[in-house]
Protein backbone atom coordinates (compact mmCIF):
# COMPACT_ATOMS: atom_id res chain seq x y z
CA MET A 1 60.94 -17.14 29.15
CA LYS A 2 64.02 -18.26 27.25
CA VAL A 3 64.89 -15.67 24.63
CA THR A 4 67.76 -15.20 22.18
CA VAL A 5 68.50 -11.89 20.47
CA VAL A 6 70.65 -11.99 17.34
CA GLY A 7 72.51 -8.72 16.82
CA VAL A 8 73.58 -6.44 19.66
CA GLY A 9 73.35 -3.02 18.06
CA TYR A 10 71.02 -0.24 19.22
CA VAL A 11 67.87 -2.30 18.79
CA GLY A 12 69.09 -5.73 19.81
CA LEU A 13 71.05 -4.75 22.91
CA VAL A 14 68.33 -2.49 24.31
CA ALA A 15 65.63 -5.09 23.68
CA ALA A 16 67.73 -7.89 25.20
CA ALA A 17 68.64 -5.92 28.32
CA CYS A 18 65.08 -4.74 28.92
CA MET A 19 63.57 -8.20 28.38
CA ALA A 20 66.09 -9.61 30.85
CA ASP A 21 65.10 -6.88 33.30
CA GLY A 22 61.54 -8.15 32.92
CA GLY A 23 62.62 -11.52 34.35
CA ASN A 24 63.42 -13.42 31.17
CA HIS A 25 66.64 -15.31 30.50
CA VAL A 26 68.16 -13.69 27.42
CA ILE A 27 71.12 -14.77 25.30
CA CYS A 28 72.70 -12.10 23.08
CA VAL A 29 74.38 -13.43 19.93
CA ASP A 30 76.65 -11.47 17.62
CA THR A 31 79.38 -12.42 15.17
CA ASP A 32 81.58 -9.53 16.35
CA GLU A 33 83.89 -11.22 18.87
CA LYS A 34 85.35 -7.91 20.03
CA LYS A 35 81.90 -6.55 20.81
CA ILE A 36 80.87 -9.70 22.68
CA ASP A 37 84.12 -9.77 24.68
CA GLY A 38 83.60 -6.14 25.55
CA LEU A 39 80.05 -6.74 26.75
CA ARG A 40 81.25 -9.57 28.96
CA LYS A 41 83.65 -7.06 30.53
CA GLY A 42 80.95 -4.46 30.96
CA ILE A 43 81.93 -2.36 27.94
CA ILE A 44 78.78 -1.05 26.23
CA PRO A 45 79.40 -0.42 22.50
CA ILE A 46 76.83 2.38 22.24
CA TYR A 47 75.85 5.34 24.38
CA GLU A 48 72.27 5.09 25.55
CA PRO A 49 71.17 6.57 28.90
CA GLY A 50 70.42 3.89 31.49
CA LEU A 51 71.55 0.98 29.33
CA ALA A 52 74.86 0.26 31.04
CA GLU A 53 73.18 -0.09 34.44
CA ILE A 54 70.53 -2.50 33.14
CA VAL A 55 73.11 -4.63 31.33
CA ALA A 56 75.33 -4.84 34.41
CA ARG A 57 72.43 -5.68 36.72
CA ASN A 58 71.04 -8.46 34.57
CA GLU A 59 74.40 -9.94 33.62
CA LYS A 60 75.24 -10.16 37.32
CA SER A 61 71.93 -11.91 38.01
CA GLY A 62 72.62 -14.43 35.23
CA ARG A 63 69.59 -13.42 33.19
CA LEU A 64 71.67 -11.81 30.43
CA THR A 65 74.55 -13.58 28.69
CA PHE A 66 76.65 -12.88 25.60
CA THR A 67 78.01 -15.32 23.02
CA THR A 68 79.17 -15.62 19.42
CA SER A 69 77.54 -19.06 19.16
CA LEU A 70 74.21 -18.90 17.37
CA LYS A 71 73.84 -22.63 17.98
CA GLU A 72 73.86 -22.03 21.73
CA GLY A 73 71.19 -19.36 21.46
CA VAL A 74 68.94 -21.42 19.21
CA GLU A 75 69.20 -24.56 21.34
CA LYS A 76 68.35 -22.82 24.59
CA SER A 77 65.50 -20.52 23.51
CA LEU A 78 61.94 -20.72 22.24
CA LEU A 79 61.87 -17.11 21.07
CA ILE A 80 64.59 -15.89 18.71
CA PHE A 81 64.64 -12.18 17.94
CA LEU A 82 66.41 -10.78 14.89
CA GLY A 83 67.90 -7.36 15.58
CA VAL A 84 70.44 -7.17 12.77
CA GLY A 85 70.98 -4.16 10.53
CA THR A 86 68.96 -3.41 7.41
CA PRO A 87 70.93 -0.54 5.82
CA SER A 88 69.96 1.28 2.65
CA ALA A 89 71.11 -0.29 -0.59
CA ALA A 90 72.30 1.90 -3.45
CA ASP A 91 68.78 2.07 -4.94
CA GLY A 92 67.23 3.15 -1.62
CA SER A 93 65.76 -0.24 -0.76
CA ALA A 94 66.38 -1.84 2.63
CA ASP A 95 69.11 -4.47 2.46
CA ILE A 96 67.71 -7.51 4.27
CA SER A 97 70.66 -9.79 3.53
CA ALA A 98 71.69 -9.86 7.20
CA VAL A 99 68.15 -10.89 8.18
CA LEU A 100 68.14 -13.69 5.62
CA ASN A 101 71.60 -14.81 6.64
CA ALA A 102 70.62 -15.02 10.31
CA ALA A 103 67.30 -16.71 9.53
CA GLY A 104 69.04 -19.27 7.34
CA GLN A 105 71.57 -20.13 10.03
CA ILE A 106 68.79 -20.47 12.59
CA ALA A 107 66.92 -22.83 10.28
CA GLU A 108 69.99 -25.00 9.79
CA THR A 109 70.64 -25.10 13.53
CA MET A 110 67.25 -25.61 15.15
CA THR A 111 66.13 -29.06 16.15
CA SER A 112 62.73 -28.16 17.63
CA TYR A 113 59.90 -25.66 17.17
CA LYS A 114 60.89 -21.99 17.39
CA ILE A 115 59.20 -18.60 17.17
CA ILE A 116 61.33 -16.30 15.03
CA VAL A 117 60.64 -12.62 15.70
CA THR A 118 61.93 -9.82 13.50
CA LYS A 119 62.74 -6.62 15.42
CA SER A 120 64.70 -5.12 12.53
CA THR A 121 62.93 -2.67 10.25
CA VAL A 122 62.17 -4.63 7.10
CA PRO A 123 60.15 -3.95 3.92
CA VAL A 124 56.58 -5.09 3.61
CA GLY A 125 56.56 -8.68 2.41
CA THR A 126 59.72 -9.68 4.27
CA HIS A 127 57.66 -12.06 6.42
CA LYS A 128 56.91 -14.13 3.31
CA ILE A 129 60.50 -14.02 2.04
CA VAL A 130 61.99 -15.04 5.37
CA SER A 131 59.40 -17.74 6.01
CA LYS A 132 60.02 -19.32 2.60
CA TRP A 133 63.77 -19.08 3.15
CA ILE A 134 63.52 -20.92 6.45
CA GLN A 135 61.18 -23.54 4.98
CA SER A 136 63.71 -24.20 2.22
CA LYS A 137 66.31 -25.14 4.82
CA THR A 138 64.37 -27.13 7.41
CA GLU A 139 61.24 -29.19 7.87
CA ILE A 140 61.03 -28.35 11.57
CA PRO A 141 57.93 -26.25 12.33
CA PHE A 142 58.26 -22.60 13.30
CA ASP A 143 56.23 -19.41 13.49
CA TYR A 144 57.26 -16.00 12.22
CA VAL A 145 56.36 -12.76 14.00
CA SER A 146 56.86 -9.19 12.88
CA ASN A 147 57.53 -7.07 15.99
CA PRO A 148 58.93 -3.72 14.79
CA GLU A 149 60.77 -1.52 17.27
CA PHE A 150 59.73 2.06 18.03
CA LEU A 151 62.70 3.10 20.13
CA LYS A 152 64.02 6.65 20.04
CA GLU A 153 67.77 6.90 20.43
CA GLY A 154 68.46 8.77 23.64
CA SER A 155 65.35 7.39 25.34
CA ALA A 156 65.35 3.82 24.03
CA VAL A 157 65.36 2.15 27.45
CA GLU A 158 62.40 4.19 28.65
CA ASP A 159 60.59 3.59 25.36
CA PHE A 160 60.97 -0.18 25.77
CA MET A 161 60.01 -0.19 29.44
CA LYS A 162 57.04 2.17 28.97
CA PRO A 163 56.02 1.80 25.32
CA ASP A 164 53.32 3.83 23.60
CA ARG A 165 52.42 0.61 21.82
CA VAL A 166 53.87 -2.77 20.94
CA ILE A 167 52.90 -4.03 17.51
CA ILE A 168 52.88 -7.79 17.02
CA GLY A 169 52.33 -9.16 13.55
CA THR A 170 51.03 -12.74 13.66
CA THR A 171 47.77 -14.52 12.94
CA ASN A 172 48.47 -17.52 15.20
CA PRO A 173 46.44 -17.24 18.46
CA ALA A 174 48.90 -19.44 20.36
CA VAL A 175 51.81 -17.23 19.35
CA MET A 176 49.80 -14.15 20.30
CA GLU A 177 49.48 -15.48 23.85
CA ILE A 178 53.19 -16.20 24.12
CA MET A 179 54.05 -12.70 22.89
CA ARG A 180 51.47 -11.24 25.27
CA GLU A 181 53.13 -12.99 28.20
CA LEU A 182 56.55 -11.75 27.09
CA TYR A 183 55.42 -8.12 27.07
CA ASN A 184 53.09 -8.25 30.08
CA PRO A 185 55.77 -6.95 32.51
CA PHE A 186 55.79 -3.71 30.50
CA MET A 187 51.98 -3.40 30.45
CA ARG A 188 51.20 -3.15 34.17
CA LYS A 189 49.13 0.05 33.93
CA SER A 190 47.32 -0.78 30.70
CA SER A 191 47.73 -3.06 27.73
CA ARG A 192 49.19 -1.33 24.71
CA LEU A 193 49.60 -4.45 22.59
CA LEU A 194 48.36 -4.21 19.02
CA PHE A 195 47.96 -7.49 17.15
CA MET A 196 47.76 -7.44 13.37
CA ASP A 197 48.91 -9.35 10.31
CA PRO A 198 52.68 -9.31 9.59
CA ALA A 199 52.43 -7.14 6.47
CA SER A 200 50.54 -4.44 8.35
CA ALA A 201 53.06 -4.60 11.18
CA GLU A 202 55.90 -4.13 8.71
CA MET A 203 54.15 -1.18 7.06
CA ALA A 204 53.28 0.45 10.39
CA LYS A 205 56.95 1.04 11.17
CA TYR A 206 57.65 2.79 7.87
CA ALA A 207 54.40 4.75 8.10
CA ALA A 208 55.20 6.02 11.60
CA ASN A 209 58.76 7.09 10.84
CA THR A 210 57.83 8.75 7.57
CA MET A 211 55.00 10.65 9.26
CA LEU A 212 57.41 11.97 11.90
CA ALA A 213 59.95 12.87 9.22
CA THR A 214 57.16 14.64 7.33
CA ARG A 215 56.38 16.86 10.33
CA ILE A 216 60.05 17.80 10.63
CA SER A 217 60.45 18.55 6.94
CA PHE A 218 57.22 20.54 6.83
CA MET A 219 58.43 22.75 9.70
CA ASN A 220 61.81 23.17 8.03
CA GLU A 221 60.23 24.16 4.74
CA LEU A 222 57.92 26.52 6.62
CA SER A 223 60.93 28.05 8.38
CA MET A 224 62.39 29.04 5.02
CA LEU A 225 59.17 30.84 4.16
CA CYS A 226 59.11 32.50 7.59
CA GLU A 227 62.56 33.96 6.99
CA LYS A 228 61.43 35.44 3.67
CA VAL A 229 58.17 36.98 4.92
CA GLY A 230 59.32 38.11 8.37
CA ALA A 231 57.45 35.55 10.49
CA ASP A 232 58.93 33.65 13.45
CA ILE A 233 58.81 29.85 13.17
CA GLU A 234 58.86 29.47 16.96
CA GLN A 235 55.70 31.51 17.32
CA VAL A 236 54.16 29.65 14.40
CA ARG A 237 55.07 26.35 16.10
CA ALA A 238 53.36 27.46 19.31
CA GLY A 239 50.25 28.36 17.37
CA MET A 240 50.19 25.04 15.55
CA GLY A 241 51.10 22.86 18.52
CA SER A 242 48.29 24.24 20.68
CA ASP A 243 45.83 22.56 18.31
CA SER A 244 45.00 19.21 19.93
CA ARG A 245 44.68 17.64 16.50
CA ILE A 246 48.34 18.47 15.78
CA GLY A 247 50.19 18.54 19.12
CA ASN A 248 53.71 19.79 19.86
CA ALA A 249 55.87 16.78 19.05
CA PHE A 250 58.29 16.90 16.10
CA LEU A 251 57.44 20.48 15.20
CA PHE A 252 60.87 22.00 15.79
CA ALA A 253 62.55 23.64 12.82
CA GLY A 254 66.26 23.00 12.51
CA VAL A 255 69.11 21.92 10.30
CA GLY A 256 67.37 18.66 9.37
CA TYR A 257 66.90 15.10 10.58
CA GLY A 258 69.48 12.31 10.46
CA GLY A 259 70.29 9.08 12.25
CA SER A 260 69.81 5.44 11.43
CA CYS A 261 66.01 5.43 10.99
CA PHE A 262 64.33 8.40 9.35
CA PRO A 263 66.58 8.77 6.27
CA LYS A 264 66.75 5.02 5.68
CA ASP A 265 63.05 4.37 6.22
CA VAL A 266 61.91 7.27 4.04
CA ARG A 267 64.14 5.98 1.23
CA ALA A 268 62.79 2.46 1.66
CA LEU A 269 59.17 3.62 1.56
CA ILE A 270 59.87 5.56 -1.64
CA TYR A 271 61.46 2.44 -3.13
CA MET A 272 58.54 0.22 -2.09
CA GLY A 273 56.09 2.66 -3.63
CA ASN A 274 57.97 2.73 -6.93
CA GLN A 275 58.13 -1.06 -6.98
CA ALA A 276 54.39 -1.29 -6.38
CA GLY A 277 53.55 1.37 -8.95
CA VAL A 278 52.34 3.78 -6.26
CA PRO A 279 54.80 6.69 -6.16
CA MET A 280 55.20 8.09 -2.65
CA SER A 281 55.22 11.76 -3.69
CA ILE A 282 54.93 13.11 -0.13
CA ALA A 283 57.81 10.93 1.08
CA GLN A 284 59.88 12.07 -1.90
CA SER A 285 59.24 15.69 -0.96
CA VAL A 286 60.13 14.98 2.67
CA GLN A 287 63.46 13.57 1.58
CA GLN A 288 64.16 16.49 -0.77
CA VAL A 289 63.29 19.13 1.84
CA ASN A 290 65.59 17.50 4.38
CA GLN A 291 68.48 17.45 1.94
CA THR A 292 67.81 21.07 0.97
CA GLN A 293 67.63 22.22 4.60
CA GLN A 294 71.03 20.79 5.43
CA ALA A 295 72.66 22.14 2.27
CA GLN A 296 71.20 25.63 2.68
CA PHE A 297 72.42 25.89 6.28
CA ALA A 298 75.95 24.94 5.25
CA ASP A 299 75.86 27.20 2.19
CA LYS A 300 74.64 30.13 4.28
CA ILE A 301 77.71 29.85 6.51
CA ILE A 302 80.12 29.28 3.64
CA HIS A 303 78.73 32.34 1.84
CA TYR A 304 79.09 34.46 4.98
CA PHE A 305 82.84 33.83 5.01
CA LYS A 306 83.39 33.71 1.24
CA ASP A 307 85.80 36.67 1.18
CA GLN A 308 87.74 35.69 4.30
CA PRO A 309 90.89 33.50 4.11
CA ASN A 310 91.92 30.86 6.66
CA VAL A 311 88.54 30.62 8.35
CA GLN A 312 88.09 28.29 11.31
CA LEU A 313 84.65 27.36 12.65
CA GLY A 314 83.93 26.08 16.14
CA VAL A 315 81.26 23.36 16.18
CA TRP A 316 79.04 22.21 19.03
CA GLY A 317 77.39 18.86 18.38
CA LEU A 318 78.30 15.97 16.10
CA ALA A 319 75.65 13.35 16.91
CA PHE A 320 72.46 13.57 14.86
CA LYS A 321 70.53 14.31 18.07
CA ALA A 322 71.18 14.72 21.77
CA ARG A 323 71.55 11.78 24.19
CA THR A 324 73.25 9.51 21.65
CA ASP A 325 76.68 9.00 20.12
CA ASP A 326 75.17 8.07 16.74
CA ILE A 327 76.61 10.10 13.84
CA ARG A 328 74.94 8.15 11.05
CA GLU A 329 73.63 10.65 8.46
CA SER A 330 74.20 13.42 10.99
CA PRO A 331 73.49 16.92 9.61
CA ALA A 332 76.63 18.04 11.46
CA LEU A 333 78.88 15.71 9.49
CA PHE A 334 77.16 16.58 6.22
CA CYS A 335 77.77 20.29 6.80
CA ILE A 336 81.31 19.76 8.11
CA GLU A 337 82.21 17.94 4.91
CA LYS A 338 80.91 20.94 2.94
CA PHE A 339 82.93 23.32 5.14
CA LEU A 340 86.08 21.31 4.53
CA ALA A 341 85.46 21.22 0.78
CA ALA A 342 85.20 25.03 0.88
CA GLY A 343 88.58 25.28 2.59
CA ILE A 344 87.19 26.06 6.05
CA GLN A 345 88.86 24.46 9.07
CA VAL A 346 86.75 22.93 11.83
CA VAL A 347 87.33 22.38 15.54
CA ALA A 348 84.50 20.48 17.23
CA TYR A 349 83.10 19.14 20.48
CA ASP A 350 80.33 16.69 21.38
CA PRO A 351 79.63 15.16 24.81
CA GLU A 352 79.41 11.60 23.45
CA ALA A 353 80.10 11.41 19.70
CA MET A 354 83.82 12.24 19.61
CA ALA A 355 85.05 8.66 19.20
CA PRO A 356 82.84 7.72 16.22
CA THR A 357 83.60 11.09 14.61
CA ARG A 358 87.32 10.54 15.03
CA GLN A 359 86.94 7.10 13.48
CA LYS A 360 85.03 8.51 10.50
CA LEU A 361 86.86 11.78 9.84
CA GLY A 362 90.30 11.04 11.24
CA ASP A 363 92.42 14.19 11.32
CA LYS A 364 90.25 16.15 8.89
CA ILE A 365 88.97 18.17 11.85
CA ARG A 366 90.31 18.92 15.32
CA LEU A 367 88.38 17.59 18.30
CA VAL A 368 88.65 19.13 21.79
CA ASP A 369 87.52 17.87 25.19
CA ASN A 370 85.98 21.13 26.39
CA GLY A 371 83.19 22.82 24.48
CA TYR A 372 84.47 26.32 25.06
CA ASP A 373 87.85 25.43 23.56
CA VAL A 374 86.27 25.36 20.09
CA LEU A 375 85.90 29.14 20.37
CA ASP A 376 89.61 29.97 20.41
CA GLY A 377 90.74 31.05 16.96
CA SER A 378 87.28 30.50 15.47
CA ALA A 379 85.44 33.03 13.34
CA ALA A 380 82.03 31.73 14.49
CA LEU A 381 80.30 29.08 16.60
CA VAL A 382 78.01 26.66 14.76
CA ILE A 383 75.51 24.56 16.75
CA PHE A 384 74.20 21.30 15.31
CA THR A 385 72.94 19.24 18.26
CA ASP A 386 70.59 20.25 21.07
CA TRP A 387 72.55 18.78 23.98
CA GLN A 388 71.35 20.09 27.34
CA GLU A 389 74.73 21.63 28.13
CA PHE A 390 74.47 23.82 25.04
CA ARG A 391 71.12 25.32 26.01
CA THR A 392 72.24 27.83 28.65
CA PRO A 393 75.88 28.54 27.82
CA ASP A 394 78.17 31.29 29.07
CA LEU A 395 77.35 33.86 26.41
CA GLU A 396 79.93 36.31 27.76
CA GLN A 397 82.63 33.70 27.23
CA ILE A 398 81.35 32.96 23.72
CA ALA A 399 81.44 36.66 22.82
CA LYS A 400 84.90 37.13 24.31
CA ARG A 401 86.71 34.09 22.92
CA LEU A 402 85.45 34.10 19.33
CA GLN A 403 87.43 36.21 16.86
CA LYS A 404 84.13 37.90 16.05
CA PRO A 405 81.02 37.17 18.14
CA VAL A 406 78.95 35.27 15.55
CA VAL A 407 76.74 32.24 16.25
CA PHE A 408 74.93 30.08 13.70
CA ASP A 409 72.32 28.07 15.61
CA GLY A 410 71.00 25.06 13.72
CA ARG A 411 68.61 24.10 16.53
CA ASN A 412 67.07 27.43 17.56
CA LEU A 413 68.24 27.02 21.14
CA TYR A 414 68.29 30.68 22.15
CA THR A 415 66.11 33.76 22.19
CA PRO A 416 67.53 36.14 19.56
CA THR A 417 66.97 39.34 21.56
CA PHE A 418 68.65 37.86 24.66
CA VAL A 419 71.72 36.64 22.75
CA LYS A 420 72.18 40.02 21.12
CA ARG A 421 72.47 41.69 24.51
CA PHE A 422 75.93 40.16 24.69
CA GLY A 423 76.97 41.71 21.39
CA ILE A 424 76.62 38.42 19.54
CA GLU A 425 75.51 38.34 15.92
CA TYR A 426 72.97 35.56 15.99
CA HIS A 427 71.78 33.54 12.99
CA CYS A 428 69.07 30.94 13.56
CA ILE A 429 66.42 29.21 11.45
CA GLY A 430 63.09 30.74 10.45
CA ARG A 431 63.03 33.38 13.19
CA THR A 432 62.89 37.17 13.22
CA GLN A 433 66.34 38.63 13.73
CA VAL A 434 65.33 41.84 15.52
């Protein structure tokens, strides 16, 4: 099929590359000339495992091309995917201006029937707004499809290639068949296509992300109680997760969730509920617990060093999660800002997120190229991201190179009794300290 994807961020670029790998001819369109030029030269603007190889393979085959010309993409394709950003507005709502802008330009450009597919996460009712917007600019027929993405950063390629489900919001049987053919290469073992109306498709994305955020926040709130009553959140998690009705996923206590999806989508669901006169009290609590968890972790460390001057902390992990370079709403950056405000210096390392951190924080903190170098001159090691290389570190080196062997683990990576064998004072989340 001939496909155009507008927007080459996390969602758009992964979707475009994977659809091209499925045999389609895909044109990527973006207004950022630097990004497009870089992609033509093989420079991938984001870190996502496996993505660079798929982009290179399909660009070489001619199935994947990059351009700043929306006109070219619209003229050559039947299916036009919108993968532009929908960031949070000041009131918590999702800002769909980029979606409307792209849809309007498509309407003004197209000269024949098109299927316009929204991949971006958009509020319920956007299908009506966008459809009316397009109709106001052209009399050429089109169909609108809501096709929300469910890609996890760090495993986005695998999620697209082997999806749990693909939700397609349309009531047009002919469009259903076209979308079915598009996704058939990724459904070889079994069909996981779910067809529904566009409003339900839009809501499904917010419902799924808020449910996952709820599990995380519940475990984080529970971890605070565990610390007070002497229980171990890891043992509690094992007991809960063994129940088939609950399962093990998203039950890890930690310093809180971040990234481009959960915080934004929870805020948007709260806003939608308020607008509809149906307050989302659970979502509001999820948001509050996440904010509290991050603040309490930072405050705990700041309080520990309150009587010590010229404190430096070594930090492992800047991305909001492992296997990505995304620092958007990262708990690490939130806590680092609090450390800096308290007069604490920070030296940090992350396998992939150094460049975006440097761009955001400049010289506010010192970044090093070797994880163990954050230990020198530091009063403690603070862990924010569960990168694989942090999971079995050289504990002897940590104990030796820190000024005082103290570790604050925001991801519960280690067994407390094992760490303490090395003379390390170990602070984790919701676990027994003996």
